[in-house]
Amino acid sequence: MFTAVGLIEFFYKQSLEGMQSFLTAMTYCSYSFGFFLSSVLVSLINKITSTSSKSGWLSNNSLDKDRLDLFYWLLAVLSLLNFFNYLFWSKWYSHDEAISEKEEAFFTKENVNRDGVLV
């Protein structure tokens, strides 16, 4: 959730006119899909790590009996893989100068009143 504001600002500055609302909606849809996948991940980890004689890492709802340390190490590895995925895809991104020029033209003196407020 720390990236929500930056992601929405990125979509507003780097998208075509009229696509900002759609991309904001897609951002929130991706969050809800991520929340759903996190609950699936917890269930899947519980099922994989449980045996007939031993319960899973997260099945007891007890900080003393659960193996939260192993679960958080797994999350750290997944986050590291996600970071490398980000680095891989970010190499192809290039800043759109046409949108920046359009943005600069919008914030000219004609659109800002004497108090510095956008009109």
PDB file of N, CA and C in Angstrom:
ATOM      1  N   MET A   1       0.812  -1.199   0.000  1.00  0.00           N
ATOM      2  CA  MET A   1       0.000   0.000   0.000  1.00  0.00           C
ATOM      3  C   MET A   1       0.858   1.268   0.000  1.00  0.00           C
ATOM      4  N   PHE A   2       2.136   1.147   0.331  1.00  0.00           N
ATOM      5  CA  PHE A   2       2.995   2.326   0.316  1.00  0.00           C
ATOM      6  C   PHE A   2       3.196   2.862  -1.106  1.00  0.00           C
ATOM      7  N   THR A   3       3.022   2.009  -2.094  1.00  0.00           N
ATOM      8  CA  THR A   3       3.247   2.421  -3.474  1.00  0.00           C
ATOM      9  C   THR A   3       1.995   2.959  -4.145  1.00  0.00           C
ATOM     10  N   ALA A   4       0.859   2.955  -3.459  1.00  0.00           N
ATOM     11  CA  ALA A   4      -0.415   3.324  -4.093  1.00  0.00           C
ATOM     12  C   ALA A   4      -0.394   4.747  -4.631  1.00  0.00           C
ATOM     13  N   VAL A   5       0.053   5.695  -3.856  1.00  0.00           N
ATOM     14  CA  VAL A   5       0.045   7.095  -4.286  1.00  0.00           C
ATOM     15  C   VAL A   5       0.995   7.300  -5.454  1.00  0.00           C
ATOM     16  N   GLY A   6       2.179   6.740  -5.378  1.00  0.00           N
ATOM     17  CA  GLY A   6       3.135   6.879  -6.470  1.00  0.00           C
ATOM     18  C   GLY A   6       2.659   6.202  -7.746  1.00  0.00           C
ATOM     19  N   LEU A   7       2.005   5.061  -7.606  1.00  0.00           N
ATOM     20  CA  LEU A   7       1.511   4.354  -8.783  1.00  0.00           C
ATOM     21  C   LEU A   7       0.387   5.118  -9.465  1.00  0.00           C
ATOM     22  N   ILE A   8      -0.521   5.656  -8.694  1.00  0.00           N
ATOM     23  CA  ILE A   8      -1.620   6.426  -9.277  1.00  0.00           C
ATOM     24  C   ILE A   8      -1.087   7.706  -9.920  1.00  0.00           C
ATOM     25  N   GLU A   9      -0.125   8.363  -9.277  1.00  0.00           N
ATOM     26  CA  GLU A   9       0.477   9.565  -9.877  1.00  0.00           C
ATOM     27  C   GLU A   9       1.204   9.210 -11.174  1.00  0.00           C
ATOM     28  N   PHE A  10       1.894   8.078 -11.176  1.00  0.00           N
ATOM     29  CA  PHE A  10       2.566   7.624 -12.393  1.00  0.00           C
ATOM     30  C   PHE A  10       1.556   7.421 -13.519  1.00  0.00           C
ATOM     31  N   PHE A  11       0.420   6.793 -13.228  1.00  0.00           N
ATOM     32  CA  PHE A  11      -0.590   6.563 -14.261  1.00  0.00           C
ATOM     33  C   PHE A  11      -1.171   7.877 -14.769  1.00  0.00           C
ATOM     34  N   TYR A  12      -1.370   8.827 -13.887  1.00  0.00           N
ATOM     35  CA  TYR A  12      -1.926  10.099 -14.323  1.00  0.00           C
ATOM     36  C   TYR A  12      -0.938  10.886 -15.182  1.00  0.00           C
ATOM     37  N   LYS A  13       0.340  10.786 -14.902  1.00  0.00           N
ATOM     38  CA  LYS A  13       1.321  11.563 -15.654  1.00  0.00           C
ATOM     39  C   LYS A  13       1.766  10.872 -16.934  1.00  0.00           C
ATOM     40  N   GLN A  14       1.750   9.559 -16.977  1.00  0.00           N
ATOM     41  CA  GLN A  14       2.315   8.834 -18.111  1.00  0.00           C
ATOM     42  C   GLN A  14       1.275   8.165 -19.005  1.00  0.00           C
ATOM     43  N   SER A  15       0.005   8.357 -18.758  1.00  0.00           N
ATOM     44  CA  SER A  15      -1.008   7.706 -19.589  1.00  0.00           C
ATOM     45  C   SER A  15      -1.646   8.697 -20.549  1.00  0.00           C
ATOM     46  N   LEU A  16      -2.336   8.157 -21.517  1.00  0.00           N
ATOM     47  CA  LEU A  16      -3.033   8.985 -22.486  1.00  0.00           C
ATOM     48  C   LEU A  16      -4.220   9.680 -21.841  1.00  0.00           C
ATOM     49  N   GLU A  17      -4.653  10.749 -22.472  1.00  0.00           N
ATOM     50  CA  GLU A  17      -5.805  11.501 -21.973  1.00  0.00           C
ATOM     51  C   GLU A  17      -7.033  10.583 -21.972  1.00  0.00           C
ATOM     52  N   GLY A  18      -7.753  10.543 -20.884  1.00  0.00           N
ATOM     53  CA  GLY A  18      -8.946   9.725 -20.785  1.00  0.00           C
ATOM     54  C   GLY A  18      -8.702   8.327 -20.257  1.00  0.00           C
ATOM     55  N   MET A  19      -7.456   7.921 -20.108  1.00  0.00           N
ATOM     56  CA  MET A  19      -7.143   6.579 -19.612  1.00  0.00           C
ATOM     57  C   MET A  19      -6.822   6.576 -18.119  1.00  0.00           C
ATOM     58  N   GLN A  20      -6.725   7.749 -17.503  1.00  0.00           N
ATOM     59  CA  GLN A  20      -6.318   7.814 -16.098  1.00  0.00           C
ATOM     60  C   GLN A  20      -7.307   7.087 -15.195  1.00  0.00           C
ATOM     61  N   SER A  21      -8.597   7.291 -15.402  1.00  0.00           N
ATOM     62  CA  SER A  21      -9.595   6.651 -14.542  1.00  0.00           C
ATOM     63  C   SER A  21      -9.571   5.142 -14.702  1.00  0.00           C
ATOM     64  N   PHE A  22      -9.441   4.692 -15.938  1.00  0.00           N
ATOM     65  CA  PHE A  22      -9.383   3.252 -16.186  1.00  0.00           C
ATOM     66  C   PHE A  22      -8.165   2.639 -15.510  1.00  0.00           C
ATOM     67  N   LEU A  23      -7.020   3.278 -15.619  1.00  0.00           N
ATOM     68  CA  LEU A  23      -5.802   2.741 -15.017  1.00  0.00           C
ATOM     69  C   LEU A  23      -5.854   2.789 -13.490  1.00  0.00           C
ATOM     70  N   THR A  24      -6.516   3.799 -12.938  1.00  0.00           N
ATOM     71  CA  THR A  24      -6.701   3.836 -11.482  1.00  0.00           C
ATOM     72  C   THR A  24      -7.580   2.678 -11.037  1.00  0.00           C
ATOM     73  N   ALA A  25      -8.638   2.402 -11.794  1.00  0.00           N
ATOM     74  CA  ALA A  25      -9.499   1.267 -11.476  1.00  0.00           C
ATOM     75  C   ALA A  25      -8.731  -0.048 -11.584  1.00  0.00           C
ATOM     76  N   MET A  26      -7.873  -0.155 -12.581  1.00  0.00           N
ATOM     77  CA  MET A  26      -7.060  -1.368 -12.727  1.00  0.00           C
ATOM     78  C   MET A  26      -6.072  -1.517 -11.563  1.00  0.00           C
ATOM     79  N   THR A  27      -5.588  -0.396 -11.046  1.00  0.00           N
ATOM     80  CA  THR A  27      -4.708  -0.443  -9.883  1.00  0.00           C
ATOM     81  C   THR A  27      -5.428  -1.048  -8.690  1.00  0.00           C
ATOM     82  N   TYR A  28      -6.640  -0.583  -8.436  1.00  0.00           N
ATOM     83  CA  TYR A  28      -7.398  -1.113  -7.305  1.00  0.00           C
ATOM     84  C   TYR A  28      -7.812  -2.560  -7.530  1.00  0.00           C
ATOM     85  N   CYS A  29      -8.091  -2.932  -8.766  1.00  0.00           N
ATOM     86  CA  CYS A  29      -8.384  -4.342  -9.065  1.00  0.00           C
ATOM     87  C   CYS A  29      -7.166  -5.218  -8.816  1.00  0.00           C
ATOM     88  N   SER A  30      -5.984  -4.723  -9.158  1.00  0.00           N
ATOM     89  CA  SER A  30      -4.779  -5.504  -8.905  1.00  0.00           C
ATOM     90  C   SER A  30      -4.520  -5.646  -7.407  1.00  0.00           C
ATOM     91  N   TYR A  31      -4.854  -4.622  -6.618  1.00  0.00           N
ATOM     92  CA  TYR A  31      -4.726  -4.748  -5.161  1.00  0.00           C
ATOM     93  C   TYR A  31      -5.656  -5.826  -4.628  1.00  0.00           C
ATOM     94  N   SER A  32      -6.904  -5.819  -5.072  1.00  0.00           N
ATOM     95  CA  SER A  32      -7.847  -6.819  -4.570  1.00  0.00           C
ATOM     96  C   SER A  32      -7.422  -8.220  -4.999  1.00  0.00           C
ATOM     97  N   PHE A  33      -6.905  -8.355  -6.223  1.00  0.00           N
ATOM     98  CA  PHE A  33      -6.416  -9.652  -6.671  1.00  0.00           C
ATOM     99  C   PHE A  33      -5.217 -10.085  -5.830  1.00  0.00           C
ATOM    100  N   GLY A  34      -4.347  -9.151  -5.479  1.00  0.00           N
ATOM    101  CA  GLY A  34      -3.203  -9.468  -4.623  1.00  0.00           C
ATOM    102  C   GLY A  34      -3.615  -9.894  -3.227  1.00  0.00           C
ATOM    103  N   PHE A  35      -4.638  -9.248  -2.668  1.00  0.00           N
ATOM    104  CA  PHE A  35      -5.134  -9.648  -1.349  1.00  0.00           C
ATOM    105  C   PHE A  35      -5.715 -11.058  -1.397  1.00  0.00           C
ATOM    106  N   PHE A  36      -6.432 -11.361  -2.480  1.00  0.00           N
ATOM    107  CA  PHE A  36      -6.975 -12.708  -2.638  1.00  0.00           C
ATOM    108  C   PHE A  36      -5.851 -13.725  -2.754  1.00  0.00           C
ATOM    109  N   LEU A  37      -4.830 -13.418  -3.557  1.00  0.00           N
ATOM    110  CA  LEU A  37      -3.712 -14.345  -3.713  1.00  0.00           C
ATOM    111  C   LEU A  37      -2.929 -14.543  -2.420  1.00  0.00           C
ATOM    112  N   SER A  38      -2.883 -13.516  -1.572  1.00  0.00           N
ATOM    113  CA  SER A  38      -2.180 -13.695  -0.300  1.00  0.00           C
ATOM    114  C   SER A  38      -2.918 -14.680   0.600  1.00  0.00           C
ATOM    115  N   SER A  39      -4.237 -14.668   0.583  1.00  0.00           N
ATOM    116  CA  SER A  39      -4.974 -15.656   1.375  1.00  0.00           C
ATOM    117  C   SER A  39      -4.831 -17.055   0.776  1.00  0.00           C
ATOM    118  N   VAL A  40      -4.757 -17.146  -0.556  1.00  0.00           N
ATOM    119  CA  VAL A  40      -4.506 -18.437  -1.201  1.00  0.00           C
ATOM    120  C   VAL A  40      -3.107 -18.933  -0.835  1.00  0.00           C
ATOM    121  N   LEU A  41      -2.133 -18.027  -0.782  1.00  0.00           N
ATOM    122  CA  LEU A  41      -0.770 -18.403  -0.420  1.00  0.00           C
ATOM    123  C   LEU A  41      -0.714 -18.978   0.990  1.00  0.00           C
ATOM    124  N   VAL A  42      -1.406 -18.350   1.932  1.00  0.00           N
ATOM    125  CA  VAL A  42      -1.414 -18.853   3.308  1.00  0.00           C
ATOM    126  C   VAL A  42      -2.036 -20.245   3.354  1.00  0.00           C
ATOM    127  N   SER A  43      -3.149 -20.435   2.671  1.00  0.00           N
ATOM    128  CA  SER A  43      -3.786 -21.752   2.653  1.00  0.00           C
ATOM    129  C   SER A  43      -2.895 -22.794   1.990  1.00  0.00           C
ATOM    130  N   LEU A  44      -2.250 -22.414   0.905  1.00  0.00           N
ATOM    131  CA  LEU A  44      -1.382 -23.337   0.189  1.00  0.00           C
ATOM    132  C   LEU A  44      -0.169 -23.724   1.031  1.00  0.00           C
ATOM    133  N   ILE A  45       0.437 -22.763   1.698  1.00  0.00           N
ATOM    134  CA  ILE A  45       1.590 -23.046   2.561  1.00  0.00           C
ATOM    135  C   ILE A  45       1.182 -23.971   3.708  1.00  0.00           C
ATOM    136  N   ASN A  46       0.003 -23.727   4.271  1.00  0.00           N
ATOM    137  CA  ASN A  46      -0.484 -24.599   5.342  1.00  0.00           C
ATOM    138  C   ASN A  46      -0.670 -26.023   4.849  1.00  0.00           C
ATOM    139  N   LYS A  47      -1.228 -26.161   3.653  1.00  0.00           N
ATOM    140  CA  LYS A  47      -1.470 -27.502   3.116  1.00  0.00           C
ATOM    141  C   LYS A  47      -0.160 -28.203   2.770  1.00  0.00           C
ATOM    142  N   ILE A  48       0.788 -27.487   2.193  1.00  0.00           N
ATOM    143  CA  ILE A  48       2.058 -28.095   1.790  1.00  0.00           C
ATOM    144  C   ILE A  48       2.901 -28.487   2.999  1.00  0.00           C
ATOM    145  N   THR A  49       2.915 -27.652   4.027  1.00  0.00           N
ATOM    146  CA  THR A  49       3.808 -27.906   5.173  1.00  0.00           C
ATOM    147  C   THR A  49       3.203 -28.817   6.224  1.00  0.00           C
ATOM    148  N   SER A  50       1.935 -29.162   6.095  1.00  0.00           N
ATOM    149  CA  SER A  50       1.345 -30.052   7.098  1.00  0.00           C
ATOM    150  C   SER A  50       1.516 -31.506   6.665  1.00  0.00           C
ATOM    151  N   THR A  51       1.779 -32.351   7.648  1.00  0.00           N
ATOM    152  CA  THR A  51       1.853 -33.798   7.436  1.00  0.00           C
ATOM    153  C   THR A  51       0.845 -34.447   8.356  1.00  0.00           C
ATOM    154  N   SER A  52       0.753 -35.741   8.313  1.00  0.00           N
ATOM    155  CA  SER A  52      -0.223 -36.431   9.157  1.00  0.00           C
ATOM    156  C   SER A  52       0.127 -36.308  10.639  1.00  0.00           C
ATOM    157  N   SER A  53       1.401 -36.213  10.951  1.00  0.00           N
ATOM    158  CA  SER A  53       1.803 -36.132  12.359  1.00  0.00           C
ATOM    159  C   SER A  53       2.042 -34.703  12.832  1.00  0.00           C
ATOM    160  N   LYS A  54       2.209 -33.775  11.917  1.00  0.00           N
ATOM    161  CA  LYS A  54       2.563 -32.406  12.298  1.00  0.00           C
ATOM    162  C   LYS A  54       1.678 -31.426  11.541  1.00  0.00           C
ATOM    163  N   SER A  55       1.272 -30.367  12.232  1.00  0.00           N
ATOM    164  CA  SER A  55       0.441 -29.354  11.573  1.00  0.00           C
ATOM    165  C   SER A  55       1.322 -28.409  10.771  1.00  0.00           C
ATOM    166  N   GLY A  56       0.709 -27.581   9.922  1.00  0.00           N
ATOM    167  CA  GLY A  56       1.436 -26.676   9.048  1.00  0.00           C
ATOM    168  C   GLY A  56       2.066 -25.516   9.787  1.00  0.00           C
ATOM    169  N   TRP A  57       2.746 -24.676   9.014  1.00  0.00           N
ATOM    170  CA  TRP A  57       3.449 -23.538   9.594  1.00  0.00           C
ATOM    171  C   TRP A  57       2.499 -22.559  10.262  1.00  0.00           C
ATOM    172  N   LEU A  58       1.297 -22.399   9.780  1.00  0.00           N
ATOM    173  CA  LEU A  58       0.388 -21.353  10.252  1.00  0.00           C
ATOM    174  C   LEU A  58      -0.947 -21.895  10.740  1.00  0.00           C
ATOM    175  N   SER A  59      -1.030 -23.124  11.118  1.00  0.00           N
ATOM    176  CA  SER A  59      -2.330 -23.736  11.395  1.00  0.00           C
ATOM    177  C   SER A  59      -2.807 -23.603  12.839  1.00  0.00           C
ATOM    178  N   ASN A  60      -1.941 -23.304  13.781  1.00  0.00           N
ATOM    179  CA  ASN A  60      -2.340 -23.306  15.189  1.00  0.00           C
ATOM    180  C   ASN A  60      -2.878 -21.975  15.693  1.00  0.00           C
ATOM    181  N   ASN A  61      -2.706 -20.901  14.944  1.00  0.00           N
ATOM    182  CA  ASN A  61      -3.070 -19.556  15.391  1.00  0.00           C
ATOM    183  C   ASN A  61      -2.413 -19.217  16.726  1.00  0.00           C
ATOM    184  N   SER A  62      -1.194 -19.666  16.880  1.00  0.00           N
ATOM    185  CA  SER A  62      -0.441 -19.429  18.103  1.00  0.00           C
ATOM    186  C   SER A  62       0.967 -18.990  17.726  1.00  0.00           C
ATOM    187  N   LEU A  63       1.416 -17.898  18.321  1.00  0.00           N
ATOM    188  CA  LEU A  63       2.771 -17.428  18.027  1.00  0.00           C
ATOM    189  C   LEU A  63       3.833 -18.385  18.560  1.00  0.00           C
ATOM    190  N   ASP A  64       3.501 -19.165  19.595  1.00  0.00           N
ATOM    191  CA  ASP A  64       4.475 -20.088  20.169  1.00  0.00           C
ATOM    192  C   ASP A  64       4.620 -21.360  19.344  1.00  0.00           C
ATOM    193  N   LYS A  65       3.536 -21.816  18.728  1.00  0.00           N
ATOM    194  CA  LYS A  65       3.568 -23.097  18.020  1.00  0.00           C
ATOM    195  C   LYS A  65       3.757 -22.959  16.512  1.00  0.00           C
ATOM    196  N   ASP A  66       3.365 -21.860  15.942  1.00  0.00           N
ATOM    197  CA  ASP A  66       3.484 -21.672  14.499  1.00  0.00           C
ATOM    198  C   ASP A  66       4.921 -21.372  14.112  1.00  0.00           C
ATOM    199  N   ARG A  67       5.233 -21.604  12.847  1.00  0.00           N
ATOM    200  CA  ARG A  67       6.567 -21.333  12.327  1.00  0.00           C
ATOM    201  C   ARG A  67       6.532 -20.078  11.464  1.00  0.00           C
ATOM    202  N   LEU A  68       6.247 -18.953  12.106  1.00  0.00           N
ATOM    203  CA  LEU A  68       6.186 -17.686  11.387  1.00  0.00           C
ATOM    204  C   LEU A  68       7.537 -17.282  10.816  1.00  0.00           C
ATOM    205  N   ASP A  69       8.612 -17.701  11.463  1.00  0.00           N
ATOM    206  CA  ASP A  69       9.939 -17.367  10.948  1.00  0.00           C
ATOM    207  C   ASP A  69      10.154 -17.955   9.563  1.00  0.00           C
ATOM    208  N   LEU A  70       9.762 -19.186   9.352  1.00  0.00           N
ATOM    209  CA  LEU A  70       9.912 -19.805   8.040  1.00  0.00           C
ATOM    210  C   LEU A  70       8.992 -19.151   7.007  1.00  0.00           C
ATOM    211  N   PHE A  71       7.782 -18.816   7.442  1.00  0.00           N
ATOM    212  CA  PHE A  71       6.839 -18.163   6.532  1.00  0.00           C
ATOM    213  C   PHE A  71       7.366 -16.800   6.096  1.00  0.00           C
ATOM    214  N   TYR A  72       7.923 -16.029   7.011  1.00  0.00           N
ATOM    215  CA  TYR A  72       8.468 -14.721   6.650  1.00  0.00           C
ATOM    216  C   TYR A  72       9.740 -14.838   5.819  1.00  0.00           C
ATOM    217  N   TRP A  73      10.523 -15.889   6.012  1.00  0.00           N
ATOM    218  CA  TRP A  73      11.661 -16.110   5.111  1.00  0.00           C
ATOM    219  C   TRP A  73      11.169 -16.408   3.697  1.00  0.00           C
ATOM    220  N   LEU A  74      10.096 -17.171   3.588  1.00  0.00           N
ATOM    221  CA  LEU A  74       9.512 -17.437   2.278  1.00  0.00           C
ATOM    222  C   LEU A  74       9.029 -16.139   1.633  1.00  0.00           C
ATOM    223  N   LEU A  75       8.381 -15.281   2.412  1.00  0.00           N
ATOM    224  CA  LEU A  75       7.926 -13.993   1.887  1.00  0.00           C
ATOM    225  C   LEU A  75       9.101 -13.114   1.451  1.00  0.00           C
ATOM    226  N   ALA A  76      10.203 -13.183   2.191  1.00  0.00           N
ATOM    227  CA  ALA A  76      11.392 -12.407   1.817  1.00  0.00           C
ATOM    228  C   ALA A  76      11.965 -12.898   0.491  1.00  0.00           C
ATOM    229  N   VAL A  77      11.983 -14.206   0.282  1.00  0.00           N
ATOM    230  CA  VAL A  77      12.472 -14.760  -0.985  1.00  0.00           C
ATOM    231  C   VAL A  77      11.546 -14.356  -2.125  1.00  0.00           C
ATOM    232  N   LEU A  78      10.233 -14.419  -1.904  1.00  0.00           N
ATOM    233  CA  LEU A  78       9.276 -13.998  -2.930  1.00  0.00           C
ATOM    234  C   LEU A  78       9.422 -12.511  -3.247  1.00  0.00           C
ATOM    235  N   SER A  79       9.678 -11.697  -2.236  1.00  0.00           N
ATOM    236  CA  SER A  79       9.888 -10.265  -2.463  1.00  0.00           C
ATOM    237  C   SER A  79      11.160 -10.012  -3.258  1.00  0.00           C
ATOM    238  N   LEU A  80      12.197 -10.776  -2.994  1.00  0.00           N
ATOM    239  CA  LEU A  80      13.438 -10.643  -3.749  1.00  0.00           C
ATOM    240  C   LEU A  80      13.217 -11.025  -5.216  1.00  0.00           C
ATOM    241  N   LEU A  81      12.476 -12.095  -5.453  1.00  0.00           N
ATOM    242  CA  LEU A  81      12.149 -12.481  -6.827  1.00  0.00           C
ATOM    243  C   LEU A  81      11.311 -11.404  -7.507  1.00  0.00           C
ATOM    244  N   ASN A  82      10.396 -10.800  -6.756  1.00  0.00           N
ATOM    245  CA  ASN A  82       9.577  -9.720  -7.300  1.00  0.00           C
ATOM    246  C   ASN A  82      10.447  -8.512  -7.658  1.00  0.00           C
ATOM    247  N   PHE A  83      11.442  -8.215  -6.849  1.00  0.00           N
ATOM    248  CA  PHE A  83      12.350  -7.106  -7.138  1.00  0.00           C
ATOM    249  C   PHE A  83      13.133  -7.352  -8.426  1.00  0.00           C
ATOM    250  N   PHE A  84      13.620  -8.574  -8.606  1.00  0.00           N
ATOM    251  CA  PHE A  84      14.330  -8.892  -9.843  1.00  0.00           C
ATOM    252  C   PHE A  84      13.394  -8.829 -11.043  1.00  0.00           C
ATOM    253  N   ASN A  85      12.148  -9.216 -10.861  1.00  0.00           N
ATOM    254  CA  ASN A  85      11.148  -9.094 -11.911  1.00  0.00           C
ATOM    255  C   ASN A  85      10.944  -7.619 -12.276  1.00  0.00           C
ATOM    256  N   TYR A  86      10.879  -6.761 -11.268  1.00  0.00           N
ATOM    257  CA  TYR A  86      10.761  -5.320 -11.495  1.00  0.00           C
ATOM    258  C   TYR A  86      11.966  -4.783 -12.276  1.00  0.00           C
ATOM    259  N   LEU A  87      13.164  -5.186 -11.884  1.00  0.00           N
ATOM    260  CA  LEU A  87      14.365  -4.728 -12.583  1.00  0.00           C
ATOM    261  C   LEU A  87      14.369  -5.180 -14.037  1.00  0.00           C
ATOM    262  N   PHE A  88      13.923  -6.401 -14.284  1.00  0.00           N
ATOM    263  CA  PHE A  88      13.873  -6.930 -15.641  1.00  0.00           C
ATOM    264  C   PHE A  88      12.944  -6.095 -16.521  1.00  0.00           C
ATOM    265  N   TRP A  89      11.736  -5.801 -16.028  1.00  0.00           N
ATOM    266  CA  TRP A  89      10.756  -5.071 -16.841  1.00  0.00           C
ATOM    267  C   TRP A  89      11.036  -3.577 -16.893  1.00  0.00           C
ATOM    268  N   SER A  90      11.702  -3.029 -15.901  1.00  0.00           N
ATOM    269  CA  SER A  90      11.954  -1.583 -15.895  1.00  0.00           C
ATOM    270  C   SER A  90      13.011  -1.164 -16.906  1.00  0.00           C
ATOM    271  N   LYS A  91      13.778  -2.089 -17.422  1.00  0.00           N
ATOM    272  CA  LYS A  91      14.780  -1.743 -18.427  1.00  0.00           C
ATOM    273  C   LYS A  91      14.137  -1.258 -19.716  1.00  0.00           C
ATOM    274  N   TRP A  92      12.911  -1.678 -19.984  1.00  0.00           N
ATOM    275  CA  TRP A  92      12.240  -1.287 -21.227  1.00  0.00           C
ATOM    276  C   TRP A  92      11.416  -0.024 -21.098  1.00  0.00           C
ATOM    277  N   TYR A  93      11.313   0.523 -19.912  1.00  0.00           N
ATOM    278  CA  TYR A  93      10.506   1.731 -19.726  1.00  0.00           C
ATOM    279  C   TYR A  93      11.312   2.957 -20.154  1.00  0.00           C
ATOM    280  N   SER A  94      10.632   3.864 -20.860  1.00  0.00           N
ATOM    281  CA  SER A  94      11.258   5.144 -21.175  1.00  0.00           C
ATOM    282  C   SER A  94      10.241   6.244 -20.880  1.00  0.00           C
ATOM    283  N   HIS A  95      10.731   7.334 -20.321  1.00  0.00           N
ATOM    284  CA  HIS A  95       9.880   8.457 -19.945  1.00  0.00           C
ATOM    285  C   HIS A  95       9.333   9.111 -21.206  1.00  0.00           C
ATOM    286  N   ASP A  96       8.032   9.391 -21.226  1.00  0.00           N
ATOM    287  CA  ASP A  96       7.397   9.999 -22.392  1.00  0.00           C
ATOM    288  C   ASP A  96       7.526  11.510 -22.292  1.00  0.00           C
ATOM    289  N   GLU A  97       8.412  12.074 -23.103  1.00  0.00           N
ATOM    290  CA  GLU A  97       8.672  13.512 -23.063  1.00  0.00           C
ATOM    291  C   GLU A  97       7.491  14.326 -23.557  1.00  0.00           C
ATOM    292  N   ALA A  98       6.683  13.771 -24.458  1.00  0.00           N
ATOM    293  CA  ALA A  98       5.534  14.515 -24.984  1.00  0.00           C
ATOM    294  C   ALA A  98       4.531  14.810 -23.883  1.00  0.00           C
ATOM    295  N   ILE A  99       4.327  13.871 -22.989  1.00  0.00           N
ATOM    296  CA  ILE A  99       3.403  14.097 -21.878  1.00  0.00           C
ATOM    297  C   ILE A  99       3.982  15.128 -20.923  1.00  0.00           C
ATOM    298  N   SER A 100       5.294  15.105 -20.697  1.00  0.00           N
ATOM    299  CA  SER A 100       5.915  16.085 -19.813  1.00  0.00           C
ATOM    300  C   SER A 100       5.801  17.491 -20.380  1.00  0.00           C
ATOM    301  N   GLU A 101       5.971  17.632 -21.704  1.00  0.00           N
ATOM    302  CA  GLU A 101       5.825  18.944 -22.316  1.00  0.00           C
ATOM    303  C   GLU A 101       4.388  19.436 -22.232  1.00  0.00           C
ATOM    304  N   LYS A 102       3.434  18.541 -22.418  1.00  0.00           N
ATOM    305  CA  LYS A 102       2.023  18.895 -22.303  1.00  0.00           C
ATOM    306  C   LYS A 102       1.707  19.329 -20.871  1.00  0.00           C
ATOM    307  N   GLU A 103       2.304  18.632 -19.912  1.00  0.00           N
ATOM    308  CA  GLU A 103       2.092  18.960 -18.512  1.00  0.00           C
ATOM    309  C   GLU A 103       2.684  20.329 -18.181  1.00  0.00           C
ATOM    310  N   GLU A 104       3.864  20.623 -18.701  1.00  0.00           N
ATOM    311  CA  GLU A 104       4.483  21.924 -18.462  1.00  0.00           C
ATOM    312  C   GLU A 104       3.649  23.043 -19.071  1.00  0.00           C
ATOM    313  N   ALA A 105       3.100  22.808 -20.257  1.00  0.00           N
ATOM    314  CA  ALA A 105       2.264  23.816 -20.904  1.00  0.00           C
ATOM    315  C   ALA A 105       0.986  24.068 -20.113  1.00  0.00           C
ATOM    316  N   PHE A 106       0.482  23.041 -19.444  1.00  0.00           N
ATOM    317  CA  PHE A 106      -0.733  23.196 -18.658  1.00  0.00           C
ATOM    318  C   PHE A 106      -0.498  24.079 -17.434  1.00  0.00           C
ATOM    319  N   PHE A 107       0.670  23.961 -16.820  1.00  0.00           N
ATOM    320  CA  PHE A 107       0.961  24.717 -15.612  1.00  0.00           C
ATOM    321  C   PHE A 107       1.616  26.064 -15.916  1.00  0.00           C
ATOM    322  N   THR A 108       1.225  26.681 -16.980  1.00  0.00           N
ATOM    323  CA  THR A 108       1.740  28.012 -17.306  1.00  0.00           C
ATOM    324  C   THR A 108       0.997  29.058 -16.489  1.00  0.00           C
ATOM    325  N   LYS A 109       1.405  30.292 -16.634  1.00  0.00           N
ATOM    326  CA  LYS A 109       0.807  31.374 -15.849  1.00  0.00           C
ATOM    327  C   LYS A 109      -0.668  31.584 -16.160  1.00  0.00           C
ATOM    328  N   GLU A 110      -1.138  31.191 -17.363  1.00  0.00           N
ATOM    329  CA  GLU A 110      -2.557  31.377 -17.689  1.00  0.00           C
ATOM    330  C   GLU A 110      -3.454  30.490 -16.842  1.00  0.00           C
ATOM    331  N   ASN A 111      -2.951  29.347 -16.380  1.00  0.00           N
ATOM    332  CA  ASN A 111      -3.760  28.401 -15.618  1.00  0.00           C
ATOM    333  C   ASN A 111      -3.587  28.528 -14.109  1.00  0.00           C
ATOM    334  N   VAL A 112      -2.721  29.429 -13.652  1.00  0.00           N
ATOM    335  CA  VAL A 112      -2.463  29.589 -12.223  1.00  0.00           C
ATOM    336  C   VAL A 112      -2.802  31.025 -11.837  1.00  0.00           C
ATOM    337  N   ASN A 113      -3.611  31.194 -10.769  1.00  0.00           N
ATOM    338  CA  ASN A 113      -3.971  32.550 -10.352  1.00  0.00           C
ATOM    339  C   ASN A 113      -2.833  33.197  -9.560  1.00  0.00           C
ATOM    340  N   ARG A 114      -3.024  34.403  -9.076  1.00  0.00           N
ATOM    341  CA  ARG A 114      -1.933  35.133  -8.426  1.00  0.00           C
ATOM    342  C   ARG A 114      -1.518  34.524  -7.093  1.00  0.00           C
ATOM    343  N   ASP A 115      -2.383  33.656  -6.495  1.00  0.00           N
ATOM    344  CA  ASP A 115      -2.029  32.981  -5.244  1.00  0.00           C
ATOM    345  C   ASP A 115      -1.286  31.661  -5.483  1.00  0.00           C
ATOM    346  N   GLY A 116      -1.079  31.318  -6.745  1.00  0.00           N
ATOM    347  CA  GLY A 116      -0.382  30.079  -7.061  1.00  0.00           C
ATOM    348  C   GLY A 116      -1.308  28.873  -7.103  1.00  0.00           C
ATOM    349  N   VAL A 117      -2.614  29.094  -7.132  1.00  0.00           N
ATOM    350  CA  VAL A 117      -3.585  28.017  -7.157  1.00  0.00           C
ATOM    351  C   VAL A 117      -3.974  27.725  -8.595  1.00  0.00           C
ATOM    352  N   LEU A 118      -4.031  26.443  -8.949  1.00  0.00           N
ATOM    353  CA  LEU A 118      -4.403  26.050 -10.294  1.00  0.00           C
ATOM    354  C   LEU A 118      -5.877  26.303 -10.520  1.00  0.00           C
ATOM    355  N   VAL A 119      -6.195  26.979 -11.628  1.00  0.00           N
ATOM    356  CA  VAL A 119      -7.610  27.264 -11.960  1.00  0.00           C
ATOM    357  C   VAL A 119      -8.041  26.526 -13.196  1.00  0.00           C
TER     358      VAL A 119
END
